[in-house]
Protein backbone atom coordinates (compact mmCIF):
# COMPACT_ATOMS: atom_id res chain seq x y z
CA MET A 1 44.88 6.59 -35.12
CA LYS A 2 47.92 4.38 -35.74
CA THR A 3 47.92 4.69 -39.53
CA SER A 4 47.58 8.47 -39.39
CA ASN A 5 50.41 8.81 -36.85
CA SER A 6 52.61 6.58 -38.97
CA LEU A 7 51.93 8.71 -42.03
CA SER A 8 52.56 11.90 -40.06
CA ARG A 9 55.87 10.57 -38.73
CA GLN A 10 56.81 9.44 -42.21
CA ILE A 11 56.22 12.94 -43.60
CA ILE A 12 58.27 14.56 -40.80
CA LEU A 13 61.11 12.06 -41.13
CA SER A 14 61.13 12.43 -44.91
CA MET A 15 61.26 16.22 -44.69
CA SER A 16 64.05 16.04 -42.08
CA ALA A 17 66.01 13.60 -44.22
CA VAL A 18 65.69 15.91 -47.21
CA VAL A 19 66.91 18.87 -45.14
CA LEU A 20 69.89 16.90 -43.83
CA CYS A 21 70.80 15.67 -47.29
CA VAL A 22 70.68 19.18 -48.73
CA ILE A 23 72.81 20.60 -45.89
CA ALA A 24 75.28 17.74 -46.11
CA LEU A 25 75.54 18.06 -49.86
CA ALA A 26 76.08 21.81 -49.66
CA LEU A 27 78.65 21.71 -46.86
CA VAL A 28 80.52 18.54 -47.73
CA GLY A 29 80.47 19.33 -51.42
CA SER A 30 81.97 22.75 -50.79
CA TYR A 31 84.79 21.35 -48.66
CA VAL A 32 85.48 18.54 -51.10
CA PHE A 33 85.72 21.09 -53.89
CA TYR A 34 88.20 23.26 -51.97
CA ALA A 35 90.14 20.20 -50.81
CA LEU A 36 90.63 19.09 -54.40
CA LEU A 37 91.49 22.64 -55.39
CA TRP A 38 94.15 22.90 -52.69
CA MET A 39 95.44 19.42 -53.51
CA PHE A 40 96.08 20.04 -57.20
CA TRP A 41 96.65 23.82 -57.15
CA PRO A 42 97.93 24.55 -53.65
CA PRO A 43 98.71 28.18 -52.84
CA SER A 44 102.36 28.72 -51.98
CA ASP A 45 101.90 31.14 -49.09
CA LEU A 46 99.16 29.32 -47.03
CA ASP A 47 99.11 26.37 -44.65
CA VAL A 48 97.81 23.24 -46.33
CA ASN A 49 95.52 22.44 -43.38
CA GLU A 50 93.77 25.82 -43.35
CA TRP A 51 90.89 24.49 -45.45
CA LEU A 52 89.72 22.32 -42.52
CA PRO A 53 86.78 23.85 -40.53
CA THR A 54 87.56 25.55 -37.24
CA GLY A 55 85.59 25.15 -34.02
CA VAL A 56 83.55 28.28 -34.76
CA GLU A 57 82.73 26.99 -38.21
CA TRP A 58 81.63 23.63 -36.79
CA ALA A 59 79.36 25.47 -34.33
CA TRP A 60 77.92 27.60 -37.14
CA MET A 61 77.20 24.52 -39.27
CA ALA A 62 75.54 22.79 -36.30
CA LEU A 63 73.37 25.87 -35.67
CA ILE A 64 72.34 26.09 -39.32
CA THR A 65 71.53 22.37 -39.33
CA CYS A 66 69.32 22.67 -36.22
CA ILE A 67 67.51 25.69 -37.60
CA SER A 68 66.95 23.95 -40.95
CA LEU A 69 65.70 20.78 -39.27
CA SER A 70 63.31 22.81 -37.09
CA MET A 71 61.93 24.66 -40.09
CA GLY A 72 61.57 21.36 -41.99
CA ALA A 73 59.75 19.77 -39.04
CA VAL A 74 57.34 22.73 -38.74
CA VAL A 75 56.57 22.62 -42.46
CA ALA A 76 56.15 18.83 -42.32
CA ILE A 77 53.75 19.05 -39.36
CA LYS A 78 51.61 21.68 -41.09
CA LEU A 79 51.63 19.69 -44.33
CA SER A 80 50.72 16.45 -42.56
CA ARG A 81 47.80 18.18 -40.84
CA ARG A 82 46.49 19.48 -44.16
CA ILE A 83 46.70 15.96 -45.56
CA LEU A 84 45.60 13.93 -42.55
CA MET A 85 42.66 15.97 -41.25
CA PRO A 86 40.37 15.21 -44.23
CA LEU A 87 41.71 11.63 -44.42
CA ASN A 88 40.91 11.09 -40.73
CA SER A 89 37.46 12.57 -41.29
CA VAL A 90 36.84 10.20 -44.22
CA ALA A 91 38.09 7.21 -42.20
CA THR A 92 35.85 8.09 -39.24
CA SER A 93 32.84 8.58 -41.50
CA LEU A 94 33.55 5.25 -43.24
CA ARG A 95 33.41 3.46 -39.90
CA ARG A 96 30.12 5.20 -39.11
CA LEU A 97 28.74 4.16 -42.50
CA ALA A 98 29.82 0.58 -41.85
CA ASP A 99 27.93 0.73 -38.55
CA GLY A 100 24.76 1.80 -40.37
CA ASP A 101 24.87 5.58 -39.87
CA LEU A 102 23.97 6.78 -43.37
CA ASP A 103 24.08 10.42 -42.25
CA ALA A 104 27.86 10.28 -41.71
CA ARG A 105 29.69 12.93 -43.74
CA ALA A 106 33.36 13.88 -43.95
CA THR A 107 34.65 17.45 -43.65
CA ALA A 108 37.63 19.33 -45.04
CA SER A 109 38.98 22.71 -43.97
CA ASN A 110 39.74 25.62 -46.25
CA ARG A 111 43.45 24.84 -45.89
CA SER A 112 43.13 21.21 -47.00
CA LEU A 113 44.88 20.16 -50.18
CA ALA A 114 42.80 20.14 -53.35
CA GLU A 115 43.17 16.37 -53.79
CA ALA A 116 42.09 15.72 -50.19
CA THR A 117 39.11 18.05 -50.59
CA LEU A 118 38.13 16.21 -53.78
CA LEU A 119 38.33 12.91 -51.90
CA VAL A 120 36.02 14.29 -49.20
CA ASP A 121 33.55 15.54 -51.81
CA ASP A 122 33.54 12.17 -53.60
CA PHE A 123 33.02 10.34 -50.32
CA ASN A 124 30.12 12.60 -49.36
CA SER A 125 28.55 12.07 -52.79
CA MET A 126 28.87 8.31 -52.35
CA ALA A 127 27.33 8.50 -48.86
CA GLU A 128 24.46 10.60 -50.19
CA ARG A 129 23.79 8.06 -52.95
CA LEU A 130 23.86 5.21 -50.43
CA LYS A 131 21.36 7.04 -48.23
CA ARG A 132 19.12 7.75 -51.21
CA MET A 133 19.30 4.11 -52.33
CA ALA A 134 18.36 2.92 -48.84
CA GLU A 135 15.43 5.33 -48.75
CA GLU A 136 14.31 4.23 -52.21
CA GLN A 137 14.54 0.59 -51.19
CA SER A 138 12.38 1.22 -48.14
CA PHE A 139 9.94 3.18 -50.29
CA TRP A 140 9.84 0.38 -52.87
CA ASN A 141 9.14 -2.24 -50.21
CA ALA A 142 6.29 -0.18 -48.77
CA ALA A 143 4.90 0.70 -52.21
CA ILE A 144 4.98 -2.89 -53.46
CA ALA A 145 3.27 -4.09 -50.29
CA HIS A 146 0.62 -1.40 -50.76
CA GLU A 147 0.04 -2.31 -54.42
CA LEU A 148 -0.25 -6.02 -53.63
CA ARG A 149 -2.48 -5.52 -50.62
CA THR A 150 -5.50 -4.16 -52.51
CA PRO A 151 -6.01 -6.94 -55.11
CA LEU A 152 -5.10 -9.65 -52.60
CA THR A 153 -7.59 -8.26 -50.09
CA ILE A 154 -10.29 -8.22 -52.77
CA LEU A 155 -9.44 -11.77 -53.85
CA ARG A 156 -9.48 -13.01 -50.27
CA GLY A 157 -12.80 -11.34 -49.56
CA ARG A 158 -14.45 -12.66 -52.73
CA LEU A 159 -13.12 -16.20 -52.26
CA GLN A 160 -14.15 -16.22 -48.61
CA GLY A 161 -17.59 -14.96 -49.61
CA LEU A 162 -17.91 -17.70 -52.22
CA ALA A 163 -16.78 -20.33 -49.72
CA GLU A 164 -19.33 -19.15 -47.13
CA GLY A 165 -22.14 -18.79 -49.64
CA VAL A 166 -22.34 -15.00 -49.38
CA PHE A 167 -21.68 -14.59 -53.13
CA THR A 168 -23.24 -16.58 -55.90
CA PRO A 169 -20.59 -18.42 -57.96
CA ASP A 170 -21.77 -17.00 -61.27
CA GLN A 171 -19.89 -15.80 -64.35
CA ALA A 172 -19.69 -12.20 -63.13
CA GLN A 173 -17.93 -13.27 -59.93
CA PHE A 174 -15.40 -15.37 -61.83
CA TYR A 175 -14.67 -12.51 -64.24
CA SER A 176 -14.19 -10.18 -61.27
CA LEU A 177 -11.70 -12.60 -59.72
CA LEU A 178 -9.97 -12.99 -63.08
CA ASN A 179 -9.61 -9.20 -63.38
CA GLN A 180 -7.87 -9.05 -60.01
CA VAL A 181 -5.50 -11.86 -61.03
CA GLU A 182 -4.75 -10.07 -64.31
CA GLY A 183 -4.01 -6.91 -62.35
CA LEU A 184 -1.54 -8.81 -60.19
CA THR A 185 0.04 -10.30 -63.30
CA ARG A 186 0.51 -6.84 -64.84
CA LEU A 187 1.98 -5.52 -61.60
CA ILE A 188 4.50 -8.37 -61.42
CA GLU A 189 5.46 -7.91 -65.08
CA ASP A 190 5.90 -4.15 -64.59
CA LEU A 191 8.07 -4.77 -61.53
CA ARG A 192 10.13 -7.26 -63.53
CA VAL A 193 10.66 -4.82 -66.42
CA VAL A 194 11.61 -1.90 -64.16
CA GLY A 195 13.89 -4.08 -62.02
CA LEU A 196 15.69 -5.54 -65.03
CA ALA A 197 16.09 -2.10 -66.60
CA ASP A 198 17.54 -0.60 -63.41
CA ASN A 199 20.19 -3.32 -63.39
CA GLY A 200 20.86 -3.17 -67.13
CA TYR A 201 19.43 -6.62 -67.86
CA LEU A 202 16.25 -5.76 -69.77
CA GLU A 203 16.44 -7.72 -73.01
CA VAL A 204 15.42 -6.07 -76.25
CA HIS A 205 15.46 -7.68 -79.67
CA ILE A 206 16.25 -4.97 -82.20
CA GLN A 207 14.93 -5.64 -85.68
CA SER A 208 13.58 -3.82 -88.70
CA ALA A 209 9.82 -3.59 -88.31
CA ASP A 210 6.83 -1.85 -89.84
CA LEU A 211 5.90 -0.28 -86.53
CA ALA A 212 2.96 1.69 -87.93
CA ASP A 213 1.04 -1.48 -88.85
CA GLU A 214 1.65 -3.01 -85.43
CA ILE A 215 0.53 0.17 -83.67
CA GLU A 216 -2.65 0.21 -85.74
CA ALA A 217 -3.38 -3.37 -84.71
CA ASP A 218 -2.86 -2.59 -81.01
CA ALA A 219 -4.89 0.61 -81.27
CA ALA A 220 -7.81 -1.33 -82.71
CA LEU A 221 -7.77 -3.60 -79.65
CA PHE A 222 -7.40 -0.74 -77.15
CA GLU A 223 -9.84 1.68 -78.80
CA PRO A 224 -13.08 0.17 -77.39
CA GLY A 225 -11.82 0.76 -73.84
CA LEU A 226 -10.93 4.35 -74.72
CA LEU A 227 -14.33 4.95 -76.30
CA ALA A 228 -16.04 3.57 -73.22
CA SER A 229 -14.08 6.09 -71.13
CA GLY A 230 -15.01 9.00 -73.42
CA PHE A 231 -11.86 9.23 -75.55
CA VAL A 232 -11.63 9.47 -79.33
CA LEU A 233 -8.44 7.98 -80.75
CA HIS A 234 -6.64 9.56 -83.72
CA LEU A 235 -3.61 7.99 -85.43
CA ASN A 236 -0.94 9.88 -87.36
CA LEU A 237 1.65 7.25 -88.21
CA LEU A 238 4.63 7.48 -90.53
CA LYS A 239 4.69 4.44 -92.80
CA ARG A 240 8.30 3.32 -92.82
CA THR A 241 10.52 0.57 -91.52
CA VAL A 242 12.21 1.44 -88.23
CA GLN A 243 14.74 -0.33 -86.05
CA CYS A 244 13.39 -1.23 -82.61
CA ASP A 245 12.00 -4.01 -80.48
CA PRO A 246 8.40 -3.75 -81.70
CA ALA A 247 7.00 -5.73 -78.78
CA ARG A 248 8.62 -3.38 -76.25
CA ILE A 249 7.58 -0.23 -78.13
CA ARG A 250 3.99 -1.48 -78.27
CA GLN A 251 4.20 -2.26 -74.55
CA ALA A 252 5.28 1.33 -73.92
CA LEU A 253 2.45 2.67 -76.08
CA LEU A 254 -0.16 0.61 -74.23
CA ALA A 255 1.26 1.83 -70.90
CA MET A 256 0.95 5.46 -72.03
CA LEU A 257 -2.60 4.91 -73.31
CA ASP A 258 -3.60 3.13 -70.10
CA ASN A 259 -2.17 5.99 -68.03
CA LEU A 260 -4.09 8.46 -70.19
CA ARG A 261 -7.35 6.50 -69.88
CA ARG A 262 -7.08 6.51 -66.09
CA HIS A 263 -6.05 10.11 -65.47
CA ALA A 264 -6.75 12.36 -68.49
CA THR A 265 -9.87 14.37 -69.23
CA PRO A 266 -12.11 12.59 -71.79
CA GLY A 267 -11.60 14.01 -75.27
CA ASN A 268 -9.38 13.56 -78.29
CA VAL A 269 -6.25 11.41 -78.07
CA THR A 270 -3.57 11.60 -80.77
CA VAL A 271 -0.94 8.93 -81.31
CA ARG A 272 1.85 10.04 -83.65
CA LEU A 273 4.82 8.14 -85.08
CA SER A 274 7.45 10.28 -86.81
CA SER A 275 11.12 10.30 -87.75
CA GLN A 276 13.40 13.34 -87.97
CA ASP A 277 17.12 14.08 -87.63
CA GLY A 278 17.97 10.44 -86.99
CA LEU A 279 15.40 10.01 -84.21
CA ASN A 280 12.18 8.01 -84.19
CA THR A 281 9.47 9.50 -81.99
CA LEU A 282 6.27 7.92 -80.71
CA SER A 283 4.04 10.46 -78.98
CA VAL A 284 0.69 10.41 -77.21
CA ALA A 285 -1.22 13.66 -76.63
CA ASP A 286 -4.44 14.32 -74.69
CA GLU A 287 -6.55 17.38 -73.93
CA GLY A 288 -6.10 17.72 -70.19
CA PRO A 289 -5.88 18.27 -67.32
CA GLY A 290 -2.10 18.63 -67.71
CA ILE A 291 0.70 17.75 -65.31
CA GLU A 292 1.69 19.73 -62.23
CA GLU A 293 5.01 21.41 -63.00
CA ALA A 294 6.63 20.19 -59.79
CA PHE A 295 5.51 16.63 -60.52
CA ALA A 296 6.58 16.51 -64.18
CA THR A 297 10.23 15.80 -63.33
CA HIS A 298 9.26 12.73 -61.24
CA ILE A 299 6.42 11.33 -63.31
CA PHE A 300 8.54 8.53 -64.81
CA GLU A 301 9.77 7.29 -61.44
CA PRO A 302 8.14 4.16 -59.98
CA PHE A 303 5.05 4.55 -57.77
CA GLN A 304 4.68 8.28 -58.43
CA ARG A 305 1.23 9.85 -58.60
CA GLY A 306 0.18 13.45 -59.06
CA GLU A 307 -2.31 15.27 -56.89
CA SER A 308 -5.13 14.52 -59.31
CA SER A 309 -4.50 10.77 -59.36
CA ARG A 310 -3.77 9.75 -55.81
CA SER A 311 -7.10 8.16 -55.28
CA ARG A 312 -7.03 4.39 -55.59
CA ALA A 313 -10.44 4.57 -57.28
CA GLN A 314 -8.66 5.28 -60.56
CA GLY A 315 -6.60 2.10 -60.30
CA GLY A 316 -3.15 1.63 -61.69
CA SER A 317 0.03 0.54 -59.98
CA GLY A 318 2.09 3.69 -60.47
CA LEU A 319 4.53 1.67 -62.58
CA GLY A 320 3.21 2.25 -66.10
CA LEU A 321 5.27 5.32 -66.95
CA ALA A 322 8.31 3.83 -65.22
CA VAL A 323 7.99 0.93 -67.68
CA VAL A 324 7.89 3.45 -70.55
CA ARG A 325 11.12 5.03 -69.31
CA ALA A 326 12.77 1.62 -68.92
CA ILE A 327 11.89 0.69 -72.50
CA ALA A 328 13.14 4.05 -73.78
CA LEU A 329 16.49 3.61 -72.02
CA SER A 330 16.81 0.05 -73.32
CA HIS A 331 16.57 1.57 -76.83
CA ARG A 332 19.24 4.16 -75.91
CA GLY A 333 16.54 6.78 -76.10
CA SER A 334 14.53 8.98 -73.76
CA VAL A 335 10.98 9.81 -72.76
CA THR A 336 9.63 13.24 -71.86
CA CYS A 337 6.35 14.84 -70.93
CA ARG A 338 5.26 18.45 -71.25
CA ASN A 339 2.07 20.46 -71.11
CA LEU A 340 0.47 21.68 -74.32
CA ASP A 341 -1.07 25.07 -75.03
CA ASN A 342 -4.56 23.52 -75.07
CA GLY A 343 -4.12 22.31 -71.48
CA GLY A 344 -3.29 18.75 -72.44
CA THR A 345 -0.17 16.67 -71.97
CA LEU A 346 2.26 15.31 -74.55
CA PHE A 347 4.32 12.18 -73.87
CA GLU A 348 7.18 11.55 -76.30
CA LEU A 349 9.24 8.38 -76.57
CA SER A 350 12.32 8.88 -78.78
CA TRP A 351 15.11 6.52 -79.83
CA PRO A 352 17.90 6.55 -82.45
CA ASP A 353 17.04 5.44 -85.96
CA GLN A 354 20.20 3.35 -86.18
CA LEU A 355 20.46 0.69 -83.48
CA VAL A 356 22.80 -2.26 -83.29
CA ALA A 357 21.00 -5.54 -82.68
CA MET A 358 21.22 -6.47 -78.99
């Protein structure tokens, strides 16, 4: 590689130049010193020209210079190898990455310099992130296509049946079509929220709001659907003014309740709003069946479903909890889930009590 050879030659030439300069300074400086000494304080019993080097001395100086240059060249070669080997590996891997090989990784030996090893580690971390991003993009494309296929297939079948006279164009059919369109609308909105949040563009309008009253109003609208699914809703809300985007927090609450309605065991559901140690917390708790431990760390990622909810019969896009996480991050907060002693699951959305309007 031309650049590497140039750098290697530069290191060797620089080391050789340093060696020559040191030798020249030591030898010439010594003779200049003695020349000045003999010039201003000449000894009376010696020849004035005796300070000049003899042939043997010139040979000795030449030998020392050659040995020093050889040692400097050897050290320079070893040093250049320690520097250039990881750099060459990074350069080769970069070209492979540019050609689309996302498995390309650089290597460093045990003798490589610490800075070069750090460069290799940083490059490998970057390559790993690029590979993961490419895999996630492919997964997203497949998942979005899968989520859109079901409602569109249903819509196409119903509309084709209506056009061919297979279905009667009554109110029930129109409501069924409307439900599919609403499902598509929710999916598109969830995709928009998650996409904006991932790129840091999700807008939130922080204001002082009586969140408890707004949650009560939303709960009253959502409660009939919960009752129809066998759930009993309980509210435990702290009555105080909090800083947040109330519309986004309510959106997160409805997403958690919808997830619970689809996947939890019918029973009691508790929604709690509290504030402690400078944090506001909105939590939703159910009575089962709990979350698989291995799945709990991925539950807030898009299009993730546990073993108990992989059937499409339960509906849902797999984006609801990802929306909750996006809203939490937009409030500089966090969202967690954990299993309770009674076998249920607790989802907690927390954010700072003091937020600057955004």
